[in-house]
Every structure is written in structure tokens, then in C-alpha cells.
Amino acid sequence: MKRTFAWVMAVLFAVTGYGWLRCAEGGELEKGKALYEDRCLLCHGPKGDGKGPGSIALDPKPANYTKKSFWEDPNIQQKIPETIKAGKGQMRPSPDLKDEDIQAIILYMTTTFKPK
């Protein structure tokens, strides 16, 4: 009986923890979306294709997050935060963003734009 109770409690905690994790991820995804819309959308566009209204006069054009080749770079998970913080080309730096803000943006980009 004690063993069954312990097993049921373990399953209950695992399921509840998974629910909390999904809720936290959902919150991070919403945070990332809001930050992307505020900081990135103008140039990178609502579809992440680098065709935002602010990209018209830019040369070179902003990165296209919908291309598989963008994500194939083995260092992309390091390059994205570096680019956000330091800027690149005509992209303004955002040193004011915290690491967790940048990770939320990356989560949103990966979830929304990365080809499957």
C-alpha cells in the first residue's frame, strides 16, 4: 500500500511539474513575442523573413529566420545573443536587455520561425 501511494505521489508530482514547466515556457514565449515585436519586428518583419517595413532601405537586408540555412550555423545559439547585445551592421545594439530577455526572444524566434 505504501509503495502504491509513493508511486502515485511521484506520478502526480511529475505531471504537476510538467504543467508548471509548460506554463513557464508559455510565459517566456509570450515575453519573447512582446520583445520581438518591440525590438525586432520593424526590420525582421512579422514573419521573421527580414522583410519588415524598416528593411526597405537597408543593405544588407536583415537576417531571414525562416531559412533553414540561418539555423544550420553550428554557432547560431551563441551568435544570436551576441548580435542582439552588440548589434551588427545597421542593427542597433541592445545592451539593456537581460540574458533572460534574450533567451525569451530566441525561444520565440525558434518556435515561430525556425523551419521544421
Protein backbone atom coordinates (compact mmCIF):
# COMPACT_ATOMS: atom_id res chain seq x y z
CA MET A 1 0.00 0.00 0.00
CA LYS A 2 2.78 2.44 0.93
CA ARG A 3 4.56 1.60 -2.29
CA THR A 4 1.47 2.30 -4.39
CA PHE A 5 0.91 5.58 -2.59
CA ALA A 6 4.53 6.62 -3.16
CA TRP A 7 4.26 5.72 -6.85
CA VAL A 8 1.01 7.69 -7.24
CA MET A 9 2.55 10.70 -5.50
CA ALA A 10 5.65 10.51 -7.72
CA VAL A 11 3.48 10.47 -10.86
CA LEU A 12 1.35 13.31 -9.51
CA PHE A 13 4.42 15.47 -8.81
CA ALA A 14 5.89 14.67 -12.23
CA VAL A 15 2.68 15.64 -14.03
CA THR A 16 2.22 18.78 -11.95
CA GLY A 17 5.85 19.78 -12.51
CA TYR A 18 5.42 19.27 -16.25
CA GLY A 19 2.37 21.53 -16.17
CA TRP A 20 4.32 24.23 -14.35
CA LEU A 21 7.14 23.90 -16.84
CA ARG A 22 4.75 24.28 -19.80
CA CYS A 23 3.14 27.28 -18.11
CA ALA A 24 6.55 28.87 -17.54
CA GLU A 25 7.55 28.18 -21.15
CA GLY A 26 4.28 29.74 -22.32
CA GLY A 27 5.06 32.83 -20.27
CA GLU A 28 8.56 33.01 -21.72
CA LEU A 29 7.16 32.59 -25.22
CA GLU A 30 4.74 35.49 -24.70
CA LYS A 31 7.55 37.59 -23.24
CA GLY A 32 9.74 36.74 -26.24
CA LYS A 33 6.95 37.63 -28.64
CA ALA A 34 6.41 41.01 -26.98
CA LEU A 35 10.14 41.77 -27.03
CA TYR A 36 10.47 40.66 -30.65
CA GLU A 37 7.53 42.84 -31.66
CA ASP A 38 9.03 45.81 -29.81
CA ARG A 39 12.68 45.39 -30.81
CA CYS A 40 12.92 43.27 -33.97
CA LEU A 41 9.70 43.32 -35.99
CA LEU A 42 10.30 46.65 -37.72
CA CYS A 43 13.22 45.26 -39.69
CA HIS A 44 12.94 41.46 -39.43
CA GLY A 45 9.18 41.53 -40.08
CA PRO A 46 6.18 39.82 -38.50
CA LYS A 47 7.03 36.63 -40.38
CA GLY A 48 10.73 36.72 -39.42
CA ASP A 49 11.67 36.80 -43.10
CA GLY A 50 13.71 40.02 -42.96
CA LYS A 51 11.05 41.93 -44.88
CA GLY A 52 9.77 44.31 -42.23
CA PRO A 53 8.81 47.85 -43.21
CA GLY A 54 12.11 49.18 -41.85
CA SER A 55 14.15 46.85 -44.05
CA ILE A 56 13.33 48.61 -47.33
CA ALA A 57 16.32 50.96 -47.20
CA LEU A 58 18.72 48.52 -45.52
CA ASP A 59 21.62 46.96 -47.34
CA PRO A 60 22.42 44.27 -46.48
CA LYS A 61 18.92 43.08 -45.64
CA PRO A 62 18.12 41.78 -42.14
CA ALA A 63 18.51 38.09 -41.41
CA ASN A 64 15.74 35.78 -42.57
CA TYR A 65 14.80 33.46 -39.70
CA THR A 66 12.57 31.33 -41.92
CA LYS A 67 15.52 29.99 -43.92
CA LYS A 68 16.92 26.64 -42.89
CA SER A 69 20.45 27.90 -43.65
CA PHE A 70 20.16 30.54 -40.90
CA TRP A 71 19.62 27.84 -38.27
CA GLU A 72 22.24 25.44 -39.69
CA ASP A 73 25.10 27.60 -38.41
CA PRO A 74 26.61 25.48 -35.61
CA ASN A 75 27.22 28.62 -33.52
CA ILE A 76 23.81 30.23 -34.04
CA GLN A 77 22.75 29.89 -30.38
CA GLN A 78 25.83 31.94 -29.45
CA LYS A 79 25.66 34.39 -32.37
CA ILE A 80 22.06 35.50 -31.77
CA PRO A 81 22.67 36.81 -28.22
CA GLU A 82 25.96 38.42 -29.29
CA THR A 83 24.24 40.17 -32.21
CA ILE A 84 21.35 41.38 -30.06
CA LYS A 85 23.66 42.79 -27.40
CA ALA A 86 26.35 44.29 -29.65
CA GLY A 87 24.38 45.00 -32.83
CA LYS A 88 25.60 44.19 -36.32
CA GLY A 89 25.89 46.38 -39.37
CA GLN A 90 22.94 48.74 -39.27
CA MET A 91 21.29 46.87 -36.40
CA ARG A 92 21.42 48.88 -33.21
CA PRO A 93 22.83 47.17 -30.11
CA SER A 94 20.55 46.34 -27.20
CA PRO A 95 22.90 46.09 -24.20
CA ASP A 96 19.97 46.91 -21.91
CA LEU A 97 18.34 43.52 -22.49
CA LYS A 98 18.95 40.93 -19.78
CA ASP A 99 20.09 37.42 -20.69
CA GLU A 100 16.64 36.04 -19.82
CA ASP A 101 15.05 38.59 -22.18
CA ILE A 102 17.32 37.48 -24.99
CA GLN A 103 16.59 33.82 -24.27
CA ALA A 104 12.86 34.61 -24.45
CA ILE A 105 13.38 36.26 -27.85
CA ILE A 106 15.33 33.22 -29.06
CA LEU A 107 12.59 30.91 -27.80
CA TYR A 108 10.02 32.93 -29.74
CA MET A 109 12.17 33.00 -32.89
CA THR A 110 12.86 29.28 -32.72
CA THR A 111 9.25 28.35 -32.02
CA THR A 112 7.73 30.73 -34.55
CA PHE A 113 10.14 31.00 -37.48
CA LYS A 114 12.54 28.05 -37.49
CA PRO A 115 11.64 25.58 -40.25
CA LYS A 116 10.74 22.12 -39.00
